Amino acid sequence: MASSFTFARQWSAACLLAATLSVAHAQSSAGTCSVCGTVESVNPAQASASTSGVGAVAGGVVGGVVGNQVGSGRGRTLATVAGAAGGAMAGNAVERNRNTHTMYRINVRMQDGSLRTIDSRSSFAVGQPVTVKGNTILLN
């Protein structure tokens, strides 16, 4: 019976200690949010996705057809090849320009003092409080 009473006292003391440490930890870490910060700067930049090749192929076909309409004999062959090459380059450039969009490089000063840089399709106002989760910025 004595050992059961001693165990119960030790168990109670261990639970009380664990609860006290848990409360102390919660109070010490409650002041700093690890995912909270403030937008420090926003810099717009143009970003382009990679091209699929469809623009180059379509441009090459159109350029080849147009080049084939010029001259005769070897001149026609040369014009066809030059038209296909030029059309492919032009088609690729058109596709690249079509896939270009504005990205925003956003610097966020975290509550712990660190600086995080996030690329986002959305812009945020300087001084705005935000939450950073992974590579995503959310409004508070």
C-alpha atoms as a PDB file:
ATOM      1  CA  MET A   1       0.000   0.000   0.000  1.00  0.00           C
ATOM      2  CA  ALA A   2       2.843   2.358   0.778  1.00  0.00           C
ATOM      3  CA  SER A   3       4.391   1.892  -2.654  1.00  0.00           C
ATOM      4  CA  SER A   4       1.038   2.640  -4.316  1.00  0.00           C
ATOM      5  CA  PHE A   5       0.758   5.865  -2.298  1.00  0.00           C
ATOM      6  CA  THR A   6       4.336   6.854  -3.207  1.00  0.00           C
ATOM      7  CA  PHE A   7       3.677   6.186  -6.887  1.00  0.00           C
ATOM      8  CA  ALA A   8       0.523   8.288  -6.780  1.00  0.00           C
ATOM      9  CA  ARG A   9       2.430  11.181  -5.192  1.00  0.00           C
ATOM     10  CA  GLN A  10       5.200  10.924  -7.763  1.00  0.00           C
ATOM     11  CA  TRP A  11       2.670  10.735 -10.582  1.00  0.00           C
ATOM     12  CA  SER A  12       0.846  13.817  -9.268  1.00  0.00           C
ATOM     13  CA  ALA A  13       4.112  15.714  -8.941  1.00  0.00           C
ATOM     14  CA  ALA A  14       5.150  14.771 -12.492  1.00  0.00           C
ATOM     15  CA  CYS A  15       1.778  15.891 -13.893  1.00  0.00           C
ATOM     16  CA  LEU A  16       1.979  19.182 -11.990  1.00  0.00           C
ATOM     17  CA  LEU A  17       5.509  19.791 -13.267  1.00  0.00           C
ATOM     18  CA  ALA A  18       4.478  19.007 -16.870  1.00  0.00           C
ATOM     19  CA  ALA A  19       1.498  21.373 -16.658  1.00  0.00           C
ATOM     20  CA  THR A  20       3.661  24.143 -15.196  1.00  0.00           C
ATOM     21  CA  LEU A  21       6.297  23.766 -17.920  1.00  0.00           C
ATOM     22  CA  SER A  22       3.618  23.715 -20.605  1.00  0.00           C
ATOM     23  CA  VAL A  23       2.083  26.973 -19.351  1.00  0.00           C
ATOM     24  CA  ALA A  24       5.523  28.606 -19.053  1.00  0.00           C
ATOM     25  CA  HIS A  25       6.413  27.587 -22.625  1.00  0.00           C
ATOM     26  CA  ALA A  26       3.104  28.880 -23.980  1.00  0.00           C
ATOM     27  CA  GLN A  27       3.593  32.222 -22.225  1.00  0.00           C
ATOM     28  CA  SER A  28       7.174  32.637 -23.457  1.00  0.00           C
ATOM     29  CA  SER A  29       6.365  31.792 -27.074  1.00  0.00           C
ATOM     30  CA  ALA A  30       3.041  33.637 -27.227  1.00  0.00           C
ATOM     31  CA  GLY A  31       4.787  36.950 -28.024  1.00  0.00           C
ATOM     32  CA  THR A  32       6.304  35.876 -31.364  1.00  0.00           C
ATOM     33  CA  CYS A  33       4.399  34.399 -34.290  1.00  0.00           C
ATOM     34  CA  SER A  34       6.707  32.323 -36.504  1.00  0.00           C
ATOM     35  CA  VAL A  35       4.643  32.912 -39.674  1.00  0.00           C
ATOM     36  CA  CYS A  36       3.660  36.557 -39.117  1.00  0.00           C
ATOM     37  CA  GLY A  37       5.369  39.519 -40.736  1.00  0.00           C
ATOM     38  CA  THR A  38       5.029  42.908 -42.396  1.00  0.00           C
ATOM     39  CA  VAL A  39       5.546  43.707 -46.089  1.00  0.00           C
ATOM     40  CA  GLU A  40       8.765  45.699 -46.336  1.00  0.00           C
ATOM     41  CA  SER A  41       9.043  46.175 -50.116  1.00  0.00           C
ATOM     42  CA  VAL A  42       7.358  45.135 -53.378  1.00  0.00           C
ATOM     43  CA  ASN A  43       9.270  44.999 -56.683  1.00  0.00           C
ATOM     44  CA  PRO A  44       7.413  44.136 -59.915  1.00  0.00           C
ATOM     45  CA  ALA A  45       9.229  42.049 -62.521  1.00  0.00           C
ATOM     46  CA  GLN A  46       8.325  40.441 -65.826  1.00  0.00           C
ATOM     47  CA  ALA A  47       8.370  36.645 -65.815  1.00  0.00           C
ATOM     48  CA  SER A  48       7.924  34.456 -68.850  1.00  0.00           C
ATOM     49  CA  ALA A  49       7.039  30.812 -68.885  1.00  0.00           C
ATOM     50  CA  SER A  50       8.957  28.460 -71.117  1.00  0.00           C
ATOM     51  CA  THR A  51       7.696  28.084 -74.651  1.00  0.00           C
ATOM     52  CA  SER A  52       6.107  24.853 -75.817  1.00  0.00           C
ATOM     53  CA  GLY A  53       7.406  25.004 -79.395  1.00  0.00           C
ATOM     54  CA  VAL A  54       3.955  25.440 -80.916  1.00  0.00           C
ATOM     55  CA  GLY A  55       4.730  29.063 -81.833  1.00  0.00           C
ATOM     56  CA  ALA A  56       8.008  28.071 -83.491  1.00  0.00           C
ATOM     57  CA  VAL A  57       6.396  25.273 -85.503  1.00  0.00           C
ATOM     58  CA  ALA A  58       3.451  27.422 -86.604  1.00  0.00           C
ATOM     59  CA  GLY A  59       5.763  30.319 -87.477  1.00  0.00           C
ATOM     60  CA  GLY A  60       8.076  27.989 -89.400  1.00  0.00           C
ATOM     61  CA  VAL A  61       5.200  26.610 -91.479  1.00  0.00           C
ATOM     62  CA  VAL A  62       3.807  30.047 -92.269  1.00  0.00           C
ATOM     63  CA  GLY A  63       7.290  31.419 -93.031  1.00  0.00           C
ATOM     64  CA  GLY A  64       8.050  28.452 -95.299  1.00  0.00           C
ATOM     65  CA  VAL A  65       4.809  28.901 -97.224  1.00  0.00           C
ATOM     66  CA  VAL A  66       5.425  32.611 -97.682  1.00  0.00           C
ATOM     67  CA  GLY A  67       9.072  32.023 -98.655  1.00  0.00           C
ATOM     68  CA  ASN A  68       7.991  29.440-101.224  1.00  0.00           C
ATOM     69  CA  GLN A  69       6.013  32.154-103.007  1.00  0.00           C
ATOM     70  CA  VAL A  70       9.221  34.076-103.781  1.00  0.00           C
ATOM     71  CA  GLY A  71      11.550  33.422-106.721  1.00  0.00           C
ATOM     72  CA  SER A  72      12.108  30.212-108.646  1.00  0.00           C
ATOM     73  CA  GLY A  73      14.602  27.329-108.656  1.00  0.00           C
ATOM     74  CA  ARG A  74      17.388  27.604-106.066  1.00  0.00           C
ATOM     75  CA  GLY A  75      16.202  31.082-105.085  1.00  0.00           C
ATOM     76  CA  ARG A  76      12.798  29.670-104.172  1.00  0.00           C
ATOM     77  CA  THR A  77      14.419  26.913-102.096  1.00  0.00           C
ATOM     78  CA  LEU A  78      16.604  29.451-100.309  1.00  0.00           C
ATOM     79  CA  ALA A  79      13.627  31.746 -99.716  1.00  0.00           C
ATOM     80  CA  THR A  80      11.588  28.812 -98.362  1.00  0.00           C
ATOM     81  CA  VAL A  81      14.335  27.820 -95.902  1.00  0.00           C
ATOM     82  CA  ALA A  82      14.946  31.424 -94.853  1.00  0.00           C
ATOM     83  CA  GLY A  83      11.214  32.027 -94.460  1.00  0.00           C
ATOM     84  CA  ALA A  84      10.827  28.882 -92.342  1.00  0.00           C
ATOM     85  CA  ALA A  85      13.748  29.838 -90.083  1.00  0.00           C
ATOM     86  CA  GLY A  86      12.598  33.442 -89.706  1.00  0.00           C
ATOM     87  CA  GLY A  87       9.017  32.346 -89.132  1.00  0.00           C
ATOM     88  CA  ALA A  88      10.121  29.876 -86.458  1.00  0.00           C
ATOM     89  CA  MET A  89      12.050  32.597 -84.628  1.00  0.00           C
ATOM     90  CA  ALA A  90       9.160  35.039 -84.905  1.00  0.00           C
ATOM     91  CA  GLY A  91       6.607  32.431 -83.784  1.00  0.00           C
ATOM     92  CA  ASN A  92       8.713  31.517 -80.762  1.00  0.00           C
ATOM     93  CA  ALA A  93       9.025  35.207 -79.811  1.00  0.00           C
ATOM     94  CA  VAL A  94       5.266  35.721 -80.135  1.00  0.00           C
ATOM     95  CA  GLU A  95       4.607  32.700 -77.914  1.00  0.00           C
ATOM     96  CA  ARG A  96       7.143  33.884 -75.308  1.00  0.00           C
ATOM     97  CA  ASN A  97       5.580  37.372 -75.224  1.00  0.00           C
ATOM     98  CA  ARG A  98       2.126  35.889 -74.889  1.00  0.00           C
ATOM     99  CA  ASN A  99       3.242  33.841 -71.861  1.00  0.00           C
ATOM    100  CA  THR A 100       4.854  36.836 -70.116  1.00  0.00           C
ATOM    101  CA  HIS A 101       3.182  38.074 -66.932  1.00  0.00           C
ATOM    102  CA  THR A 102       3.997  40.409 -64.053  1.00  0.00           C
ATOM    103  CA  MET A 103       5.378  38.831 -60.875  1.00  0.00           C
ATOM    104  CA  TYR A 104       6.028  40.650 -57.623  1.00  0.00           C
ATOM    105  CA  ARG A 105       9.127  40.035 -55.508  1.00  0.00           C
ATOM    106  CA  ILE A 106       7.922  40.775 -51.986  1.00  0.00           C
ATOM    107  CA  ASN A 107      10.228  41.231 -48.982  1.00  0.00           C
ATOM    108  CA  VAL A 108       8.533  40.389 -45.686  1.00  0.00           C
ATOM    109  CA  ARG A 109      10.115  41.265 -42.340  1.00  0.00           C
ATOM    110  CA  MET A 110       9.114  38.451 -39.994  1.00  0.00           C
ATOM    111  CA  GLN A 111       8.347  39.046 -36.310  1.00  0.00           C
ATOM    112  CA  ASP A 112      11.539  37.198 -35.350  1.00  0.00           C
ATOM    113  CA  GLY A 113      13.533  39.814 -37.326  1.00  0.00           C
ATOM    114  CA  SER A 114      14.390  37.636 -40.326  1.00  0.00           C
ATOM    115  CA  LEU A 115      13.679  38.745 -43.907  1.00  0.00           C
ATOM    116  CA  ARG A 116      11.806  36.448 -46.299  1.00  0.00           C
ATOM    117  CA  THR A 117      11.592  37.079 -50.048  1.00  0.00           C
ATOM    118  CA  ILE A 118       8.548  35.604 -51.790  1.00  0.00           C
ATOM    119  CA  ASP A 119       7.638  35.721 -55.497  1.00  0.00           C
ATOM    120  CA  SER A 120       3.890  36.202 -55.937  1.00  0.00           C
ATOM    121  CA  ARG A 121       1.433  36.923 -58.728  1.00  0.00           C
ATOM    122  CA  SER A 122      -0.415  39.246 -56.330  1.00  0.00           C
ATOM    123  CA  SER A 123       0.866  42.554 -55.053  1.00  0.00           C
ATOM    124  CA  PHE A 124       0.676  43.666 -51.425  1.00  0.00           C
ATOM    125  CA  ALA A 125       0.942  47.122 -49.884  1.00  0.00           C
ATOM    126  CA  VAL A 126       4.122  48.094 -48.060  1.00  0.00           C
ATOM    127  CA  GLY A 127       3.489  47.986 -44.303  1.00  0.00           C
ATOM    128  CA  GLN A 128       0.666  45.474 -44.635  1.00  0.00           C
ATOM    129  CA  PRO A 129       0.644  42.687 -41.996  1.00  0.00           C
ATOM    130  CA  VAL A 130       0.743  39.246 -43.634  1.00  0.00           C
ATOM    131  CA  THR A 131       1.149  35.565 -42.850  1.00  0.00           C
ATOM    132  CA  VAL A 132       3.774  33.555 -44.758  1.00  0.00           C
ATOM    133  CA  LYS A 133       3.122  29.846 -45.191  1.00  0.00           C
ATOM    134  CA  GLY A 134       5.744  28.108 -47.315  1.00  0.00           C
ATOM    135  CA  ASN A 135       6.066  30.272 -50.450  1.00  0.00           C
ATOM    136  CA  THR A 136       2.592  31.793 -50.114  1.00  0.00           C
ATOM    137  CA  ILE A 137       1.630  35.136 -48.609  1.00  0.00           C
ATOM    138  CA  LEU A 138      -1.787  35.506 -46.991  1.00  0.00           C
ATOM    139  CA  LEU A 139      -3.461  38.658 -45.680  1.00  0.00           C
ATOM    140  CA  ASN A 140      -3.965  38.857 -41.919  1.00  0.00           C
END
